[in-house]
Amino acid sequence: VESGGGLVQPGGSLRLSCAASGSIFGLMGWYRQ
């Protein structure tokens, strides 16, 4: 479950979070489209 997205001005900052459950994970990552 991702959270933290939104609208921000150029030069600004955001922090995205991903809450994972149901397993123990090896590789994790962020992608975008």
PDB file of all heavy atoms in Angstrom:
ATOM      1  N   VAL A   1       0.841  -1.182   0.000  1.00  0.00           N
ATOM      2  CA  VAL A   1       0.000   0.000   0.000  1.00  0.00           C
ATOM      3  C   VAL A   1       0.884   1.241   0.000  1.00  0.00           C
ATOM      4  O   VAL A   1       1.644   1.470   0.949  1.00  0.00           O
ATOM      5  CB  VAL A   1      -0.939   0.017   1.217  1.00  0.00           C
ATOM      6  CG1 VAL A   1      -1.802   1.276   1.189  1.00  0.00           C
ATOM      7  CG2 VAL A   1      -1.804  -1.233   1.243  1.00  0.00           C
ATOM      8  N   GLU A   2       0.781   2.007  -1.077  1.00  0.00           N
ATOM      9  CA  GLU A   2       1.571   3.229  -1.198  1.00  0.00           C
ATOM     10  C   GLU A   2       0.809   4.432  -0.639  1.00  0.00           C
ATOM     11  O   GLU A   2      -0.424   4.455  -0.667  1.00  0.00           O
ATOM     12  CB  GLU A   2       1.924   3.514  -2.671  1.00  0.00           C
ATOM     13  CG  GLU A   2       2.664   2.403  -3.383  1.00  0.00           C
ATOM     14  CD  GLU A   2       1.762   1.564  -4.258  1.00  0.00           C
ATOM     15  OE1 GLU A   2       0.555   1.468  -3.939  1.00  0.00           O
ATOM     16  OE2 GLU A   2       2.254   1.010  -5.260  1.00  0.00           O
ATOM     17  N   SER A   3       1.574   5.411  -0.196  1.00  0.00           N
ATOM     18  CA  SER A   3       0.990   6.664   0.262  1.00  0.00           C
ATOM     19  C   SER A   3       2.011   7.776   0.095  1.00  0.00           C
ATOM     20  O   SER A   3       3.203   7.513  -0.111  1.00  0.00           O
ATOM     21  CB  SER A   3       0.550   6.555   1.724  1.00  0.00           C
ATOM     22  OG  SER A   3       1.654   6.294   2.562  1.00  0.00           O
ATOM     23  N   GLY A   4       1.527   9.017   0.195  1.00  0.00           N
ATOM     24  CA  GLY A   4       2.435  10.151   0.192  1.00  0.00           C
ATOM     25  C   GLY A   4       2.471  10.963  -1.078  1.00  0.00           C
ATOM     26  O   GLY A   4       3.132  12.008  -1.133  1.00  0.00           O
ATOM     27  N   GLY A   5       1.779  10.514  -2.112  1.00  0.00           N
ATOM     28  CA  GLY A   5       1.783  11.278  -3.353  1.00  0.00           C
ATOM     29  C   GLY A   5       0.962  12.552  -3.232  1.00  0.00           C
ATOM     30  O   GLY A   5       0.266  12.768  -2.241  1.00  0.00           O
ATOM     31  N   GLY A   6       1.085  13.400  -4.244  1.00  0.00           N
ATOM     32  CA  GLY A   6       0.323  14.638  -4.235  1.00  0.00           C
ATOM     33  C   GLY A   6       0.845  15.622  -5.248  1.00  0.00           C
ATOM     34  O   GLY A   6       1.625  15.278  -6.133  1.00  0.00           O
ATOM     35  N   LEU A   7       0.415  16.862  -5.091  1.00  0.00           N
ATOM     36  CA  LEU A   7       0.821  17.954  -5.968  1.00  0.00           C
ATOM     37  C   LEU A   7       1.899  18.772  -5.273  1.00  0.00           C
ATOM     38  O   LEU A   7       1.738  19.162  -4.105  1.00  0.00           O
ATOM     39  CB  LEU A   7      -0.387  18.837  -6.290  1.00  0.00           C
ATOM     40  CG  LEU A   7      -0.115  20.128  -7.062  1.00  0.00           C
ATOM     41  CD1 LEU A   7       0.418  19.813  -8.454  1.00  0.00           C
ATOM     42  CD2 LEU A   7      -1.393  20.969  -7.145  1.00  0.00           C
ATOM     43  N   VAL A   8       2.971  19.036  -5.987  1.00  0.00           N
ATOM     44  CA  VAL A   8       4.067  19.812  -5.414  1.00  0.00           C
ATOM     45  C   VAL A   8       4.650  20.711  -6.504  1.00  0.00           C
ATOM     46  O   VAL A   8       4.608  20.369  -7.694  1.00  0.00           O
ATOM     47  CB  VAL A   8       5.152  18.864  -4.837  1.00  0.00           C
ATOM     48  CG1 VAL A   8       5.779  18.017  -5.926  1.00  0.00           C
ATOM     49  CG2 VAL A   8       6.207  19.632  -4.057  1.00  0.00           C
ATOM     50  N   GLN A   9       5.173  21.840  -6.092  1.00  0.00           N
ATOM     51  CA  GLN A   9       5.777  22.765  -7.056  1.00  0.00           C
ATOM     52  C   GLN A   9       7.176  22.289  -7.436  1.00  0.00           C
ATOM     53  O   GLN A   9       7.835  21.583  -6.664  1.00  0.00           O
ATOM     54  CB  GLN A   9       5.858  24.162  -6.452  1.00  0.00           C
ATOM     55  CG  GLN A   9       4.500  24.820  -6.263  1.00  0.00           C
ATOM     56  CD  GLN A   9       4.636  26.273  -5.816  1.00  0.00           C
ATOM     57  OE1 GLN A   9       5.674  26.697  -5.320  1.00  0.00           O
ATOM     58  NE2 GLN A   9       3.571  27.041  -6.010  1.00  0.00           N
ATOM     59  N   PRO A  10       7.646  22.672  -8.607  1.00  0.00           N
ATOM     60  CA  PRO A  10       9.027  22.343  -8.986  1.00  0.00           C
ATOM     61  C   PRO A  10      10.013  22.806  -7.920  1.00  0.00           C
ATOM     62  O   PRO A  10       9.882  23.914  -7.379  1.00  0.00           O
ATOM     63  CB  PRO A  10       9.220  23.101 -10.302  1.00  0.00           C
ATOM     64  CG  PRO A  10       7.845  23.186 -10.869  1.00  0.00           C
ATOM     65  CD  PRO A  10       6.934  23.373  -9.681  1.00  0.00           C
ATOM     66  N   GLY A  11      10.969  21.947  -7.622  1.00  0.00           N
ATOM     67  CA  GLY A  11      11.935  22.238  -6.572  1.00  0.00           C
ATOM     68  C   GLY A  11      11.512  21.756  -5.204  1.00  0.00           C
ATOM     69  O   GLY A  11      12.316  21.783  -4.257  1.00  0.00           O
ATOM     70  N   GLY A  12      10.287  21.323  -5.084  1.00  0.00           N
ATOM     71  CA  GLY A  12       9.765  20.868  -3.799  1.00  0.00           C
ATOM     72  C   GLY A  12      10.123  19.420  -3.500  1.00  0.00           C
ATOM     73  O   GLY A  12      10.866  18.767  -4.242  1.00  0.00           O
ATOM     74  N   SER A  13       9.580  18.938  -2.388  1.00  0.00           N
ATOM     75  CA  SER A  13       9.891  17.585  -1.912  1.00  0.00           C
ATOM     76  C   SER A  13       8.614  16.834  -1.561  1.00  0.00           C
ATOM     77  O   SER A  13       7.598  17.443  -1.192  1.00  0.00           O
ATOM     78  CB  SER A  13      10.775  17.651  -0.665  1.00  0.00           C
ATOM     79  OG  SER A  13      12.005  18.280  -0.942  1.00  0.00           O
ATOM     80  N   LEU A  14       8.710  15.529  -1.674  1.00  0.00           N
ATOM     81  CA  LEU A  14       7.656  14.622  -1.223  1.00  0.00           C
ATOM     82  C   LEU A  14       8.320  13.369  -0.689  1.00  0.00           C
ATOM     83  O   LEU A  14       9.429  13.010  -1.120  1.00  0.00           O
ATOM     84  CB  LEU A  14       6.723  14.230  -2.375  1.00  0.00           C
ATOM     85  CG  LEU A  14       5.601  15.177  -2.794  1.00  0.00           C
ATOM     86  CD1 LEU A  14       4.868  14.612  -4.005  1.00  0.00           C
ATOM     87  CD2 LEU A  14       4.628  15.443  -1.659  1.00  0.00           C
ATOM     88  N   ARG A  15       7.619  12.699   0.214  1.00  0.00           N
ATOM     89  CA  ARG A  15       8.106  11.423   0.732  1.00  0.00           C
ATOM     90  C   ARG A  15       7.026  10.379   0.512  1.00  0.00           C
ATOM     91  O   ARG A  15       5.912  10.507   1.028  1.00  0.00           O
ATOM     92  CB  ARG A  15       8.450  11.517   2.215  1.00  0.00           C
ATOM     93  CG  ARG A  15       9.072  10.253   2.785  1.00  0.00           C
ATOM     94  CD  ARG A  15       9.484  10.462   4.229  1.00  0.00           C
ATOM     95  NE  ARG A  15      10.109   9.288   4.802  1.00  0.00           N
ATOM     96  CZ  ARG A  15      11.411   9.014   4.716  1.00  0.00           C
ATOM     97  NH1 ARG A  15      12.204   9.852   4.067  1.00  0.00           N
ATOM     98  NH2 ARG A  15      11.909   7.908   5.261  1.00  0.00           N
ATOM     99  N   LEU A  16       7.367   9.370  -0.274  1.00  0.00           N
ATOM    100  CA  LEU A  16       6.452   8.262  -0.522  1.00  0.00           C
ATOM    101  C   LEU A  16       6.753   7.120   0.431  1.00  0.00           C
ATOM    102  O   LEU A  16       7.915   6.866   0.777  1.00  0.00           O
ATOM    103  CB  LEU A  16       6.590   7.765  -1.963  1.00  0.00           C
ATOM    104  CG  LEU A  16       6.420   8.796  -3.076  1.00  0.00           C
ATOM    105  CD1 LEU A  16       6.524   8.111  -4.437  1.00  0.00           C
ATOM    106  CD2 LEU A  16       5.127   9.543  -2.945  1.00  0.00           C
ATOM    107  N   SER A  17       5.702   6.431   0.837  1.00  0.00           N
ATOM    108  CA  SER A  17       5.868   5.263   1.697  1.00  0.00           C
ATOM    109  C   SER A  17       5.122   4.078   1.112  1.00  0.00           C
ATOM    110  O   SER A  17       4.070   4.242   0.490  1.00  0.00           O
ATOM    111  CB  SER A  17       5.337   5.563   3.101  1.00  0.00           C
ATOM    112  OG  SER A  17       6.117   6.538   3.737  1.00  0.00           O
ATOM    113  N   CYS A  18       5.679   2.898   1.339  1.00  0.00           N
ATOM    114  CA  CYS A  18       5.054   1.653   0.930  1.00  0.00           C
ATOM    115  C   CYS A  18       5.007   0.737   2.139  1.00  0.00           C
ATOM    116  O   CYS A  18       6.052   0.381   2.693  1.00  0.00           O
ATOM    117  CB  CYS A  18       5.843   0.999  -0.195  1.00  0.00           C
ATOM    118  SG  CYS A  18       5.269  -0.642  -0.675  1.00  0.00           S
ATOM    119  N   ALA A  19       3.791   0.387   2.544  1.00  0.00           N
ATOM    120  CA  ALA A  19       3.612  -0.548   3.655  1.00  0.00           C
ATOM    121  C   ALA A  19       3.381  -1.928   3.068  1.00  0.00           C
ATOM    122  O   ALA A  19       2.408  -2.147   2.348  1.00  0.00           O
ATOM    123  CB  ALA A  19       2.425  -0.118   4.507  1.00  0.00           C
ATOM    124  N   ALA A  20       4.280  -2.849   3.383  1.00  0.00           N
ATOM    125  CA  ALA A  20       4.217  -4.196   2.832  1.00  0.00           C
ATOM    126  C   ALA A  20       3.804  -5.181   3.911  1.00  0.00           C
ATOM    127  O   ALA A  20       4.196  -5.047   5.070  1.00  0.00           O
ATOM    128  CB  ALA A  20       5.570  -4.592   2.260  1.00  0.00           C
ATOM    129  N   SER A  21       3.038  -6.179   3.538  1.00  0.00           N
ATOM    130  CA  SER A  21       2.623  -7.201   4.490  1.00  0.00           C
ATOM    131  C   SER A  21       2.419  -8.524   3.772  1.00  0.00           C
ATOM    132  O   SER A  21       2.301  -8.575   2.549  1.00  0.00           O
ATOM    133  CB  SER A  21       1.326  -6.776   5.190  1.00  0.00           C
ATOM    134  OG  SER A  21       0.282  -6.609   4.250  1.00  0.00           O
ATOM    135  N   GLY A  22       2.421  -9.600   4.538  1.00  0.00           N
ATOM    136  CA  GLY A  22       2.112 -10.907   3.992  1.00  0.00           C
ATOM    137  C   GLY A  22       3.304 -11.764   3.629  1.00  0.00           C
ATOM    138  O   GLY A  22       3.126 -12.924   3.232  1.00  0.00           O
ATOM    139  N   SER A  23       4.510 -11.238   3.764  1.00  0.00           N
ATOM    140  CA  SER A  23       5.696 -12.025   3.437  1.00  0.00           C
ATOM    141  C   SER A  23       6.937 -11.297   3.940  1.00  0.00           C
ATOM    142  O   SER A  23       6.857 -10.176   4.447  1.00  0.00           O
ATOM    143  CB  SER A  23       5.791 -12.220   1.927  1.00  0.00           C
ATOM    144  OG  SER A  23       6.847 -13.113   1.601  1.00  0.00           O
ATOM    145  N   ILE A  24       8.054 -11.984   3.799  1.00  0.00           N
ATOM    146  CA  ILE A  24       9.359 -11.349   4.043  1.00  0.00           C
ATOM    147  C   ILE A  24       9.977 -11.135   2.674  1.00  0.00           C
ATOM    148  O   ILE A  24      10.123 -12.076   1.886  1.00  0.00           O
ATOM    149  CB  ILE A  24      10.259 -12.237   4.914  1.00  0.00           C
ATOM    150  CG1 ILE A  24       9.601 -12.472   6.281  1.00  0.00           C
ATOM    151  CG2 ILE A  24      11.626 -11.578   5.102  1.00  0.00           C
ATOM    152  CD1 ILE A  24      10.340 -13.452   7.152  1.00  0.00           C
ATOM    153  N   PHE A  25      10.336  -9.889   2.415  1.00  0.00           N
ATOM    154  CA  PHE A  25      10.706  -9.517   1.064  1.00  0.00           C
ATOM    155  C   PHE A  25      12.214  -9.357   0.889  1.00  0.00           C
ATOM    156  O   PHE A  25      12.907  -8.873   1.774  1.00  0.00           O
ATOM    157  CB  PHE A  25      10.001  -8.215   0.670  1.00  0.00           C
ATOM    158  CG  PHE A  25       8.506  -8.316   0.717  1.00  0.00           C
ATOM    159  CD1 PHE A  25       7.812  -7.872   1.830  1.00  0.00           C
ATOM    160  CD2 PHE A  25       7.812  -8.874  -0.331  1.00  0.00           C
ATOM    161  CE1 PHE A  25       6.437  -7.985   1.891  1.00  0.00           C
ATOM    162  CE2 PHE A  25       6.432  -8.989  -0.290  1.00  0.00           C
ATOM    163  CZ  PHE A  25       5.741  -8.538   0.821  1.00  0.00           C
ATOM    164  N   GLY A  26      12.656  -9.776  -0.278  1.00  0.00           N
ATOM    165  CA  GLY A  26      14.053  -9.600  -0.623  1.00  0.00           C
ATOM    166  C   GLY A  26      14.232  -8.287  -1.357  1.00  0.00           C
ATOM    167  O   GLY A  26      14.609  -7.275  -0.807  1.00  0.00           O
ATOM    168  N   LEU A  27      13.916  -8.290  -2.636  1.00  0.00           N
ATOM    169  CA  LEU A  27      14.035  -7.090  -3.453  1.00  0.00           C
ATOM    170  C   LEU A  27      12.765  -6.243  -3.339  1.00  0.00           C
ATOM    171  O   LEU A  27      11.656  -6.753  -3.462  1.00  0.00           O
ATOM    172  CB  LEU A  27      14.262  -7.479  -4.910  1.00  0.00           C
ATOM    173  CG  LEU A  27      14.418  -6.333  -5.916  1.00  0.00           C
ATOM    174  CD1 LEU A  27      15.694  -5.552  -5.631  1.00  0.00           C
ATOM    175  CD2 LEU A  27      14.430  -6.888  -7.332  1.00  0.00           C
ATOM    176  N   MET A  28      12.967  -4.958  -3.082  1.00  0.00           N
ATOM    177  CA  MET A  28      11.857  -4.011  -3.065  1.00  0.00           C
ATOM    178  C   MET A  28      12.273  -2.782  -3.860  1.00  0.00           C
ATOM    179  O   MET A  28      13.463  -2.454  -3.944  1.00  0.00           O
ATOM    180  CB  MET A  28      11.481  -3.601  -1.637  1.00  0.00           C
ATOM    181  CG  MET A  28      11.009  -4.747  -0.772  1.00  0.00           C
ATOM    182  SD  MET A  28      10.457  -4.198   0.874  1.00  0.00           S
ATOM    183  CE  MET A  28       8.867  -3.438   0.459  1.00  0.00           C
ATOM    184  N   GLY A  29      11.292  -2.112  -4.415  1.00  0.00           N
ATOM    185  CA  GLY A  29      11.653  -0.935  -5.185  1.00  0.00           C
ATOM    186  C   GLY A  29      10.467  -0.075  -5.560  1.00  0.00           C
ATOM    187  O   GLY A  29       9.306  -0.434  -5.315  1.00  0.00           O
ATOM    188  N   TRP A  30      10.790   1.070  -6.118  1.00  0.00           N
ATOM    189  CA  TRP A  30       9.794   2.001  -6.643  1.00  0.00           C
ATOM    190  C   TRP A  30       9.953   2.103  -8.156  1.00  0.00           C
ATOM    191  O   TRP A  30      11.083   2.175  -8.665  1.00  0.00           O
ATOM    192  CB  TRP A  30       9.972   3.386  -6.028  1.00  0.00           C
ATOM    193  CG  TRP A  30       9.526   3.484  -4.618  1.00  0.00           C
ATOM    194  CD1 TRP A  30      10.292   3.358  -3.496  1.00  0.00           C
ATOM    195  CD2 TRP A  30       8.187   3.737  -4.165  1.00  0.00           C
ATOM    196  NE1 TRP A  30       9.519   3.502  -2.374  1.00  0.00           N
ATOM    197  CE2 TRP A  30       8.222   3.740  -2.756  1.00  0.00           C
ATOM    198  CE3 TRP A  30       6.970   3.954  -4.807  1.00  0.00           C
ATOM    199  CZ2 TRP A  30       7.090   3.955  -1.977  1.00  0.00           C
ATOM    200  CZ3 TRP A  30       5.845   4.176  -4.037  1.00  0.00           C
ATOM    201  CH2 TRP A  30       5.912   4.174  -2.643  1.00  0.00           C
ATOM    202  N   TYR A  31       8.828   2.127  -8.825  1.00  0.00           N
ATOM    203  CA  TYR A  31       8.758   2.348 -10.255  1.00  0.00           C
ATOM    204  C   TYR A  31       7.783   3.489 -10.502  1.00  0.00           C
ATOM    205  O   TYR A  31       7.015   3.860  -9.615  1.00  0.00           O
ATOM    206  CB  TYR A  31       8.268   1.084 -10.973  1.00  0.00           C
ATOM    207  CG  TYR A  31       9.275  -0.045 -10.971  1.00  0.00           C
ATOM    208  CD1 TYR A  31       9.585  -0.717  -9.801  1.00  0.00           C
ATOM    209  CD2 TYR A  31       9.905  -0.438 -12.140  1.00  0.00           C
ATOM    210  CE1 TYR A  31      10.518  -1.745  -9.793  1.00  0.00           C
ATOM    211  CE2 TYR A  31      10.827  -1.471 -12.160  1.00  0.00           C
ATOM    212  CZ  TYR A  31      11.131  -2.118 -10.977  1.00  0.00           C
ATOM    213  OH  TYR A  31      12.050  -3.133 -10.979  1.00  0.00           O
ATOM    214  N   ARG A  32       7.811   4.034 -11.707  1.00  0.00           N
ATOM    215  CA  ARG A  32       6.860   5.091 -12.024  1.00  0.00           C
ATOM    216  C   ARG A  32       6.426   4.981 -13.481  1.00  0.00           C
ATOM    217  O   ARG A  32       7.157   4.468 -14.335  1.00  0.00           O
ATOM    218  CB  ARG A  32       7.459   6.469 -11.747  1.00  0.00           C
ATOM    219  CG  ARG A  32       8.618   6.858 -12.646  1.00  0.00           C
ATOM    220  CD  ARG A  32       9.232   8.182 -12.181  1.00  0.00           C
ATOM    221  NE  ARG A  32      10.334   8.611 -13.037  1.00  0.00           N
ATOM    222  CZ  ARG A  32      11.107   9.660 -12.780  1.00  0.00           C
ATOM    223  NH1 ARG A  32      10.905  10.397 -11.682  1.00  0.00           N
ATOM    224  NH2 ARG A  32      12.078   9.992 -13.615  1.00  0.00           N
ATOM    225  N   GLN A  33       5.235   5.504 -13.720  1.00  0.00           N
ATOM    226  CA  GLN A  33       4.708   5.513 -15.072  1.00  0.00           C
ATOM    227  C   GLN A  33       4.068   6.866 -15.346  1.00  0.00           C
ATOM    228  O   GLN A  33       3.081   7.231 -14.701  1.00  0.00           O
ATOM    229  CB  GLN A  33       3.684   4.388 -15.280  1.00  0.00           C
ATOM    230  CG  GLN A  33       3.229   4.245 -16.706  1.00  0.00           C
ATOM    231  CD  GLN A  33       2.501   2.951 -16.959  1.00  0.00           C
ATOM    232  OE1 GLN A  33       2.066   2.261 -16.029  1.00  0.00           O
ATOM    233  NE2 GLN A  33       2.379   2.564 -18.224  1.00  0.00           N
TER     234      GLN A  33
END
